[in-house]
Amino acid sequence: MATGQRRPARPWSCRGLLLELARAGHLELPSATHVHRNPTVRRATHGAKALAPLLLDTTPLEGPLRALRPLEFQQVRRTPEESLFNYLVAEYHPLGYTRPVGEHLKYLVYAAGRPIACVAWSSAPRHLGAPRPLYRLVGRSAPS
């Protein structure tokens, strides 16, 4: 591409701009003719909201962290408690819940028999590659 030329707009960037303008009240979009159903989004919340309030004590815990000992880390991936993990993240995380990409682990942290934290790890997408300075930072050479 020559200097001064702009990249052609991508369909998703145009859609994003239109949605922003509509949200700001600058234009009115026609109603959607087709609503895409994403089964993973439904699976993350379906039934969990009805179940979780029965299981949760949401009164604040006060005092030093050492008073909560022992902490119990319970792996919940592919267990019945995974829906509780998904609910808690969807309800209390600022970005909500999205199913992690690739291999991942999910843990609930319990203190005094109640969940106090959700911890998740996800595998790094190797196909994206890390910037070479990052490899130097961790003391490794970048793959060829």
N, C-alpha and C. Protein backbone atom coordinates (compact mmCIF):
# COMPACT_ATOMS: atom_id res chain seq x y z
N MET A 1 0.84 -1.16 0.00
CA MET A 1 0.00 0.00 0.00
C MET A 1 0.89 1.24 0.00
N ALA A 2 0.62 2.16 -0.86
CA ALA A 2 1.44 3.37 -0.97
C ALA A 2 1.17 4.29 0.22
N THR A 3 2.13 5.15 0.49
CA THR A 3 1.97 6.10 1.59
C THR A 3 0.80 7.02 1.31
N GLY A 4 0.01 7.29 2.32
CA GLY A 4 -1.13 8.19 2.15
C GLY A 4 -2.42 7.45 1.82
N GLN A 5 -2.32 6.19 1.39
CA GLN A 5 -3.54 5.44 1.10
C GLN A 5 -4.09 4.86 2.39
N ARG A 6 -5.41 4.76 2.45
CA ARG A 6 -6.05 4.16 3.60
C ARG A 6 -6.49 2.75 3.26
N ARG A 7 -6.52 1.92 4.28
CA ARG A 7 -7.01 0.55 4.10
C ARG A 7 -8.51 0.60 3.84
N PRO A 8 -9.00 -0.29 3.03
CA PRO A 8 -10.45 -0.34 2.85
C PRO A 8 -11.11 -0.74 4.17
N ALA A 9 -12.29 -0.19 4.43
CA ALA A 9 -13.01 -0.49 5.67
C ALA A 9 -13.44 -1.95 5.69
N ARG A 10 -13.34 -2.54 6.83
CA ARG A 10 -13.80 -3.91 7.03
C ARG A 10 -15.27 -3.87 7.43
N PRO A 11 -16.05 -4.87 7.07
CA PRO A 11 -17.48 -4.85 7.41
C PRO A 11 -17.73 -4.72 8.91
N TRP A 12 -16.90 -5.38 9.75
CA TRP A 12 -17.15 -5.32 11.19
C TRP A 12 -16.84 -3.94 11.75
N SER A 13 -15.88 -3.20 11.13
CA SER A 13 -15.57 -1.86 11.63
C SER A 13 -16.71 -0.91 11.30
N CYS A 14 -17.33 -1.08 10.14
CA CYS A 14 -18.48 -0.26 9.77
C CYS A 14 -19.66 -0.55 10.69
N ARG A 15 -19.88 -1.82 10.98
CA ARG A 15 -20.98 -2.22 11.86
C ARG A 15 -20.78 -1.63 13.24
N GLY A 16 -19.53 -1.69 13.73
CA GLY A 16 -19.22 -1.13 15.04
C GLY A 16 -19.49 0.36 15.10
N LEU A 17 -19.10 1.07 14.05
CA LEU A 17 -19.34 2.51 13.99
C LEU A 17 -20.84 2.81 13.98
N LEU A 18 -21.59 2.06 13.18
CA LEU A 18 -23.04 2.27 13.14
C LEU A 18 -23.69 2.00 14.49
N LEU A 19 -23.26 0.95 15.18
CA LEU A 19 -23.81 0.65 16.49
C LEU A 19 -23.48 1.75 17.50
N GLU A 20 -22.26 2.28 17.44
CA GLU A 20 -21.89 3.37 18.34
C GLU A 20 -22.74 4.61 18.08
N LEU A 21 -22.94 4.93 16.81
CA LEU A 21 -23.76 6.10 16.47
C LEU A 21 -25.21 5.91 16.93
N ALA A 22 -25.72 4.69 16.80
CA ALA A 22 -27.09 4.41 17.24
C ALA A 22 -27.19 4.51 18.76
N ARG A 23 -26.22 3.98 19.48
CA ARG A 23 -26.24 4.05 20.95
C ARG A 23 -26.18 5.49 21.44
N ALA A 24 -25.44 6.32 20.71
CA ALA A 24 -25.32 7.73 21.09
C ALA A 24 -26.54 8.54 20.67
N GLY A 25 -27.47 7.92 19.94
CA GLY A 25 -28.70 8.61 19.54
C GLY A 25 -28.57 9.45 18.29
N HIS A 26 -27.50 9.28 17.52
CA HIS A 26 -27.29 10.06 16.31
C HIS A 26 -28.02 9.50 15.10
N LEU A 27 -28.41 8.23 15.15
CA LEU A 27 -29.16 7.63 14.06
C LEU A 27 -29.97 6.46 14.60
N GLU A 28 -30.95 6.03 13.83
CA GLU A 28 -31.78 4.91 14.23
C GLU A 28 -31.59 3.79 13.21
N LEU A 29 -31.20 2.64 13.70
CA LEU A 29 -30.99 1.49 12.82
C LEU A 29 -32.27 0.70 12.68
N PRO A 30 -32.48 0.08 11.51
CA PRO A 30 -33.66 -0.79 11.37
C PRO A 30 -33.53 -2.00 12.28
N SER A 31 -34.64 -2.61 12.62
CA SER A 31 -34.59 -3.78 13.49
C SER A 31 -33.87 -4.92 12.76
N ALA A 32 -33.27 -5.79 13.55
CA ALA A 32 -32.50 -6.90 12.99
C ALA A 32 -33.44 -7.88 12.29
N THR A 33 -33.02 -8.37 11.13
CA THR A 33 -33.83 -9.35 10.41
C THR A 33 -33.51 -10.76 10.86
N HIS A 34 -32.31 -10.95 11.44
CA HIS A 34 -31.91 -12.27 11.92
C HIS A 34 -31.06 -12.08 13.17
N VAL A 35 -31.38 -12.80 14.22
CA VAL A 35 -30.60 -12.74 15.45
C VAL A 35 -29.77 -14.01 15.53
N HIS A 36 -28.45 -13.85 15.58
CA HIS A 36 -27.57 -15.01 15.66
C HIS A 36 -27.62 -15.56 17.08
N ARG A 37 -27.81 -16.83 17.19
CA ARG A 37 -27.83 -17.48 18.50
C ARG A 37 -26.48 -18.12 18.74
N ASN A 38 -25.84 -17.74 19.81
CA ASN A 38 -24.55 -18.31 20.16
C ASN A 38 -24.76 -19.27 21.32
N PRO A 39 -24.68 -20.57 21.08
CA PRO A 39 -24.97 -21.52 22.15
C PRO A 39 -24.00 -21.44 23.32
N THR A 40 -22.75 -21.00 23.10
CA THR A 40 -21.81 -20.93 24.22
C THR A 40 -22.20 -19.82 25.18
N VAL A 41 -22.78 -18.73 24.68
CA VAL A 41 -23.22 -17.66 25.57
C VAL A 41 -24.40 -18.14 26.40
N ARG A 42 -25.34 -18.84 25.78
CA ARG A 42 -26.49 -19.37 26.52
C ARG A 42 -26.03 -20.37 27.57
N ARG A 43 -25.06 -21.21 27.22
CA ARG A 43 -24.59 -22.22 28.15
C ARG A 43 -23.92 -21.58 29.37
N ALA A 44 -23.30 -20.42 29.19
CA ALA A 44 -22.61 -19.77 30.30
C ALA A 44 -23.58 -19.28 31.36
N THR A 45 -24.80 -18.92 30.98
CA THR A 45 -25.72 -18.34 31.95
C THR A 45 -27.00 -19.14 32.12
N HIS A 46 -27.33 -20.03 31.21
CA HIS A 46 -28.60 -20.73 31.26
C HIS A 46 -28.73 -21.54 32.54
N GLY A 47 -29.73 -21.21 33.33
CA GLY A 47 -29.98 -21.95 34.55
C GLY A 47 -29.11 -21.54 35.71
N ALA A 48 -27.95 -20.94 35.46
CA ALA A 48 -27.04 -20.62 36.55
C ALA A 48 -27.61 -19.51 37.44
N LYS A 49 -28.28 -18.53 36.85
CA LYS A 49 -28.80 -17.43 37.66
C LYS A 49 -29.88 -17.91 38.61
N ALA A 50 -30.68 -18.87 38.22
CA ALA A 50 -31.72 -19.39 39.10
C ALA A 50 -31.12 -20.23 40.22
N LEU A 51 -30.01 -20.90 39.96
CA LEU A 51 -29.40 -21.79 40.94
C LEU A 51 -28.52 -21.05 41.93
N ALA A 52 -27.68 -20.13 41.45
CA ALA A 52 -26.64 -19.53 42.29
C ALA A 52 -27.15 -18.77 43.50
N PRO A 53 -28.20 -17.94 43.43
CA PRO A 53 -28.60 -17.21 44.63
C PRO A 53 -28.97 -18.14 45.79
N LEU A 54 -29.42 -19.36 45.50
CA LEU A 54 -29.74 -20.30 46.56
C LEU A 54 -28.49 -20.82 47.25
N LEU A 55 -27.37 -20.79 46.55
CA LEU A 55 -26.14 -21.36 47.08
C LEU A 55 -25.21 -20.34 47.72
N LEU A 56 -25.47 -19.06 47.53
CA LEU A 56 -24.49 -18.04 47.92
C LEU A 56 -24.89 -17.26 49.16
N ASP A 57 -23.94 -17.11 50.04
CA ASP A 57 -24.07 -16.17 51.15
C ASP A 57 -23.27 -14.95 50.72
N THR A 58 -23.93 -13.82 50.49
CA THR A 58 -23.24 -12.65 49.96
C THR A 58 -22.94 -11.61 51.03
N THR A 59 -23.10 -11.97 52.31
CA THR A 59 -22.73 -11.01 53.35
C THR A 59 -21.22 -10.79 53.30
N PRO A 60 -20.77 -9.55 53.49
CA PRO A 60 -19.33 -9.26 53.40
C PRO A 60 -18.54 -10.00 54.47
N LEU A 61 -17.36 -10.44 54.10
CA LEU A 61 -16.42 -11.03 55.05
C LEU A 61 -15.49 -9.91 55.51
N GLU A 62 -15.38 -9.73 56.82
CA GLU A 62 -14.54 -8.66 57.34
C GLU A 62 -13.49 -9.26 58.26
N GLY A 63 -12.32 -8.66 58.27
CA GLY A 63 -11.24 -9.13 59.12
C GLY A 63 -10.00 -9.41 58.30
N PRO A 64 -8.92 -9.80 58.98
CA PRO A 64 -7.67 -10.09 58.26
C PRO A 64 -7.79 -11.37 57.43
N LEU A 65 -7.02 -11.43 56.37
CA LEU A 65 -7.05 -12.59 55.48
C LEU A 65 -6.70 -13.87 56.23
N ARG A 66 -5.79 -13.81 57.18
CA ARG A 66 -5.40 -15.02 57.92
C ARG A 66 -6.57 -15.62 58.69
N ALA A 67 -7.60 -14.80 58.97
CA ALA A 67 -8.76 -15.32 59.68
C ALA A 67 -9.61 -16.23 58.78
N LEU A 68 -9.42 -16.14 57.47
CA LEU A 68 -10.18 -16.97 56.53
C LEU A 68 -9.56 -18.35 56.31
N ARG A 69 -8.37 -18.57 56.84
CA ARG A 69 -7.68 -19.84 56.62
C ARG A 69 -8.44 -20.99 57.24
N PRO A 70 -8.32 -22.15 56.65
CA PRO A 70 -7.60 -22.50 55.44
C PRO A 70 -8.42 -22.18 54.19
N LEU A 71 -7.72 -21.78 53.14
CA LEU A 71 -8.36 -21.58 51.85
C LEU A 71 -8.34 -22.90 51.09
N GLU A 72 -9.43 -23.22 50.44
CA GLU A 72 -9.52 -24.46 49.68
C GLU A 72 -9.68 -24.12 48.20
N PHE A 73 -8.75 -24.56 47.37
CA PHE A 73 -8.82 -24.35 45.92
C PHE A 73 -9.42 -25.61 45.32
N GLN A 74 -10.57 -25.45 44.66
CA GLN A 74 -11.25 -26.60 44.08
C GLN A 74 -11.34 -26.45 42.57
N GLN A 75 -10.76 -27.39 41.84
CA GLN A 75 -10.82 -27.36 40.37
C GLN A 75 -12.25 -27.71 39.97
N VAL A 76 -12.89 -26.83 39.18
CA VAL A 76 -14.30 -27.03 38.85
C VAL A 76 -14.56 -27.25 37.37
N ARG A 77 -13.52 -27.27 36.57
CA ARG A 77 -13.70 -27.50 35.12
C ARG A 77 -14.33 -28.87 34.92
N ARG A 78 -15.41 -28.91 34.13
CA ARG A 78 -16.15 -30.13 33.80
C ARG A 78 -16.71 -30.82 35.04
N THR A 79 -17.16 -30.02 36.00
CA THR A 79 -17.84 -30.55 37.18
C THR A 79 -19.16 -29.79 37.32
N PRO A 80 -20.06 -30.25 38.16
CA PRO A 80 -21.31 -29.52 38.37
C PRO A 80 -21.10 -28.09 38.90
N GLU A 81 -19.99 -27.83 39.60
CA GLU A 81 -19.72 -26.50 40.14
C GLU A 81 -19.26 -25.50 39.08
N GLU A 82 -19.00 -25.97 37.86
CA GLU A 82 -18.55 -25.06 36.80
C GLU A 82 -19.62 -24.00 36.52
N SER A 83 -20.90 -24.36 36.61
CA SER A 83 -21.95 -23.37 36.36
C SER A 83 -21.94 -22.28 37.43
N LEU A 84 -21.58 -22.62 38.67
CA LEU A 84 -21.44 -21.62 39.72
C LEU A 84 -20.29 -20.67 39.40
N PHE A 85 -19.15 -21.22 38.96
CA PHE A 85 -18.01 -20.40 38.54
C PHE A 85 -18.43 -19.43 37.44
N ASN A 86 -19.10 -19.96 36.40
CA ASN A 86 -19.52 -19.13 35.27
C ASN A 86 -20.48 -18.03 35.73
N TYR A 87 -21.40 -18.37 36.63
CA TYR A 87 -22.35 -17.39 37.15
C TYR A 87 -21.62 -16.29 37.90
N LEU A 88 -20.71 -16.67 38.80
CA LEU A 88 -20.01 -15.67 39.60
C LEU A 88 -19.21 -14.70 38.74
N VAL A 89 -18.52 -15.23 37.73
CA VAL A 89 -17.74 -14.36 36.85
C VAL A 89 -18.69 -13.46 36.04
N ALA A 90 -19.78 -14.03 35.52
CA ALA A 90 -20.74 -13.23 34.75
C ALA A 90 -21.36 -12.13 35.60
N GLU A 91 -21.61 -12.43 36.85
CA GLU A 91 -22.30 -11.49 37.74
C GLU A 91 -21.38 -10.43 38.32
N TYR A 92 -20.14 -10.79 38.67
CA TYR A 92 -19.29 -9.88 39.44
C TYR A 92 -18.08 -9.34 38.70
N HIS A 93 -17.67 -9.94 37.59
CA HIS A 93 -16.52 -9.42 36.84
C HIS A 93 -16.99 -8.28 35.95
N PRO A 94 -16.23 -7.17 35.88
CA PRO A 94 -16.66 -6.03 35.08
C PRO A 94 -16.89 -6.35 33.60
N LEU A 95 -16.18 -7.34 33.06
CA LEU A 95 -16.36 -7.69 31.65
C LEU A 95 -17.32 -8.86 31.45
N GLY A 96 -17.85 -9.41 32.54
CA GLY A 96 -18.77 -10.54 32.42
C GLY A 96 -18.01 -11.82 32.14
N TYR A 97 -18.74 -12.83 31.69
CA TYR A 97 -18.13 -14.13 31.42
C TYR A 97 -18.10 -14.39 29.92
N THR A 98 -16.97 -14.83 29.44
CA THR A 98 -16.81 -15.34 28.08
C THR A 98 -16.02 -16.63 28.21
N ARG A 99 -16.44 -17.65 27.51
CA ARG A 99 -15.74 -18.93 27.60
C ARG A 99 -14.31 -18.75 27.12
N PRO A 100 -13.33 -19.22 27.91
CA PRO A 100 -11.93 -19.08 27.50
C PRO A 100 -11.64 -19.85 26.21
N VAL A 101 -10.65 -19.37 25.48
CA VAL A 101 -10.25 -20.01 24.23
C VAL A 101 -9.19 -21.05 24.54
N GLY A 102 -9.29 -22.20 23.91
CA GLY A 102 -8.27 -23.23 24.08
C GLY A 102 -8.40 -23.96 25.40
N GLU A 103 -7.32 -24.63 25.78
CA GLU A 103 -7.31 -25.36 27.04
C GLU A 103 -7.36 -24.37 28.19
N HIS A 104 -8.13 -24.70 29.21
CA HIS A 104 -8.22 -23.80 30.35
C HIS A 104 -8.59 -24.54 31.62
N LEU A 105 -8.28 -23.92 32.74
CA LEU A 105 -8.59 -24.45 34.05
C LEU A 105 -9.42 -23.43 34.80
N LYS A 106 -10.34 -23.92 35.62
CA LYS A 106 -11.17 -23.03 36.43
C LYS A 106 -11.14 -23.54 37.87
N TYR A 107 -10.91 -22.63 38.80
CA TYR A 107 -10.89 -22.97 40.21
C TYR A 107 -11.81 -22.04 40.99
N LEU A 108 -12.52 -22.59 41.95
CA LEU A 108 -13.22 -21.79 42.95
C LEU A 108 -12.41 -21.85 44.22
N VAL A 109 -12.26 -20.71 44.88
CA VAL A 109 -11.54 -20.65 46.15
C VAL A 109 -12.58 -20.52 47.25
N TYR A 110 -12.53 -21.44 48.20
CA TYR A 110 -13.49 -21.46 49.30
C TYR A 110 -12.82 -21.09 50.60
N ALA A 111 -13.56 -20.37 51.45
CA ALA A 111 -13.14 -20.09 52.82
C ALA A 111 -14.38 -20.22 53.69
N ALA A 112 -14.26 -20.94 54.76
CA ALA A 112 -15.39 -21.17 55.67
C ALA A 112 -16.59 -21.74 54.93
N GLY A 113 -16.33 -22.59 53.94
CA GLY A 113 -17.40 -23.26 53.23
C GLY A 113 -18.13 -22.45 52.18
N ARG A 114 -17.65 -21.25 51.88
CA ARG A 114 -18.31 -20.43 50.85
C ARG A 114 -17.30 -19.93 49.83
N PRO A 115 -17.73 -19.78 48.58
CA PRO A 115 -16.78 -19.31 47.55
C PRO A 115 -16.43 -17.84 47.78
N ILE A 116 -15.13 -17.55 47.72
CA ILE A 116 -14.68 -16.16 47.89
C ILE A 116 -13.93 -15.64 46.67
N ALA A 117 -13.55 -16.54 45.75
CA ALA A 117 -12.81 -16.09 44.57
C ALA A 117 -12.95 -17.11 43.44
N CYS A 118 -12.81 -16.61 42.22
CA CYS A 118 -12.75 -17.44 41.02
C CYS A 118 -11.39 -17.19 40.37
N VAL A 119 -10.72 -18.27 40.00
CA VAL A 119 -9.40 -18.16 39.37
C VAL A 119 -9.42 -19.02 38.12
N ALA A 120 -8.96 -18.45 37.00
CA ALA A 120 -8.94 -19.20 35.75
C ALA A 120 -7.61 -18.99 35.04
N TRP A 121 -7.16 -20.03 34.38
CA TRP A 121 -5.96 -19.97 33.54
C TRP A 121 -6.35 -20.48 32.17
N SER A 122 -5.77 -19.87 31.15
CA SER A 122 -6.04 -20.29 29.79
C SER A 122 -4.71 -20.43 29.06
N SER A 123 -4.64 -21.40 28.15
CA SER A 123 -3.40 -21.58 27.39
C SER A 123 -3.18 -20.39 26.47
N ALA A 124 -1.93 -20.07 26.27
CA ALA A 124 -1.59 -18.96 25.38
C ALA A 124 -1.80 -19.40 23.94
N PRO A 125 -2.42 -18.57 23.11
CA PRO A 125 -2.58 -18.92 21.70
C PRO A 125 -1.25 -18.78 20.97
N ARG A 126 -0.58 -19.90 20.78
CA ARG A 126 0.75 -19.89 20.16
C ARG A 126 0.74 -19.34 18.74
N HIS A 127 -0.38 -19.51 18.04
CA HIS A 127 -0.41 -19.06 16.65
C HIS A 127 -0.32 -17.53 16.54
N LEU A 128 -0.60 -16.79 17.63
CA LEU A 128 -0.48 -15.34 17.57
C LEU A 128 0.97 -14.91 17.71
N GLY A 129 1.75 -15.68 18.43
CA GLY A 129 3.16 -15.34 18.62
C GLY A 129 3.33 -14.19 19.57
N ALA A 130 4.39 -14.22 20.34
CA ALA A 130 4.69 -13.14 21.26
C ALA A 130 5.71 -12.23 20.60
N PRO A 131 5.67 -10.94 20.91
CA PRO A 131 6.67 -10.03 20.35
C PRO A 131 8.06 -10.43 20.82
N ARG A 132 9.05 -10.26 19.96
CA ARG A 132 10.41 -10.65 20.28
C ARG A 132 10.92 -10.01 21.57
N PRO A 133 10.62 -8.73 21.87
CA PRO A 133 11.09 -8.16 23.14
C PRO A 133 10.55 -8.94 24.35
N LEU A 134 9.38 -9.51 24.24
CA LEU A 134 8.82 -10.29 25.34
C LEU A 134 9.67 -11.53 25.60
N TYR A 135 10.12 -12.18 24.55
CA TYR A 135 10.99 -13.34 24.73
C TYR A 135 12.29 -12.96 25.42
N ARG A 136 12.85 -11.81 25.02
CA ARG A 136 14.08 -11.35 25.67
C ARG A 136 13.84 -11.06 27.15
N LEU A 137 12.70 -10.49 27.45
CA LEU A 137 12.36 -10.14 28.83
C LEU A 137 12.33 -11.38 29.73
N VAL A 138 11.80 -12.49 29.22
CA VAL A 138 11.74 -13.69 30.03
C VAL A 138 12.96 -14.59 29.84
N GLY A 139 13.96 -14.12 29.08
CA GLY A 139 15.21 -14.86 28.96
C GLY A 139 15.16 -16.03 28.01
N ARG A 140 14.34 -15.95 26.98
CA ARG A 140 14.26 -17.03 26.00
C ARG A 140 14.51 -16.45 24.62
N SER A 141 14.89 -17.33 23.69
CA SER A 141 15.03 -16.88 22.32
C SER A 141 13.73 -17.14 21.59
N ALA A 142 13.37 -16.26 20.70
CA ALA A 142 12.11 -16.38 19.95
C ALA A 142 12.21 -17.55 19.00
N PRO A 143 11.10 -18.28 18.79
CA PRO A 143 11.12 -19.38 17.82
C PRO A 143 11.29 -18.84 16.41
N SER A 144 11.89 -19.63 15.56
CA SER A 144 12.14 -19.20 14.17
C SER A 144 10.90 -19.38 13.33
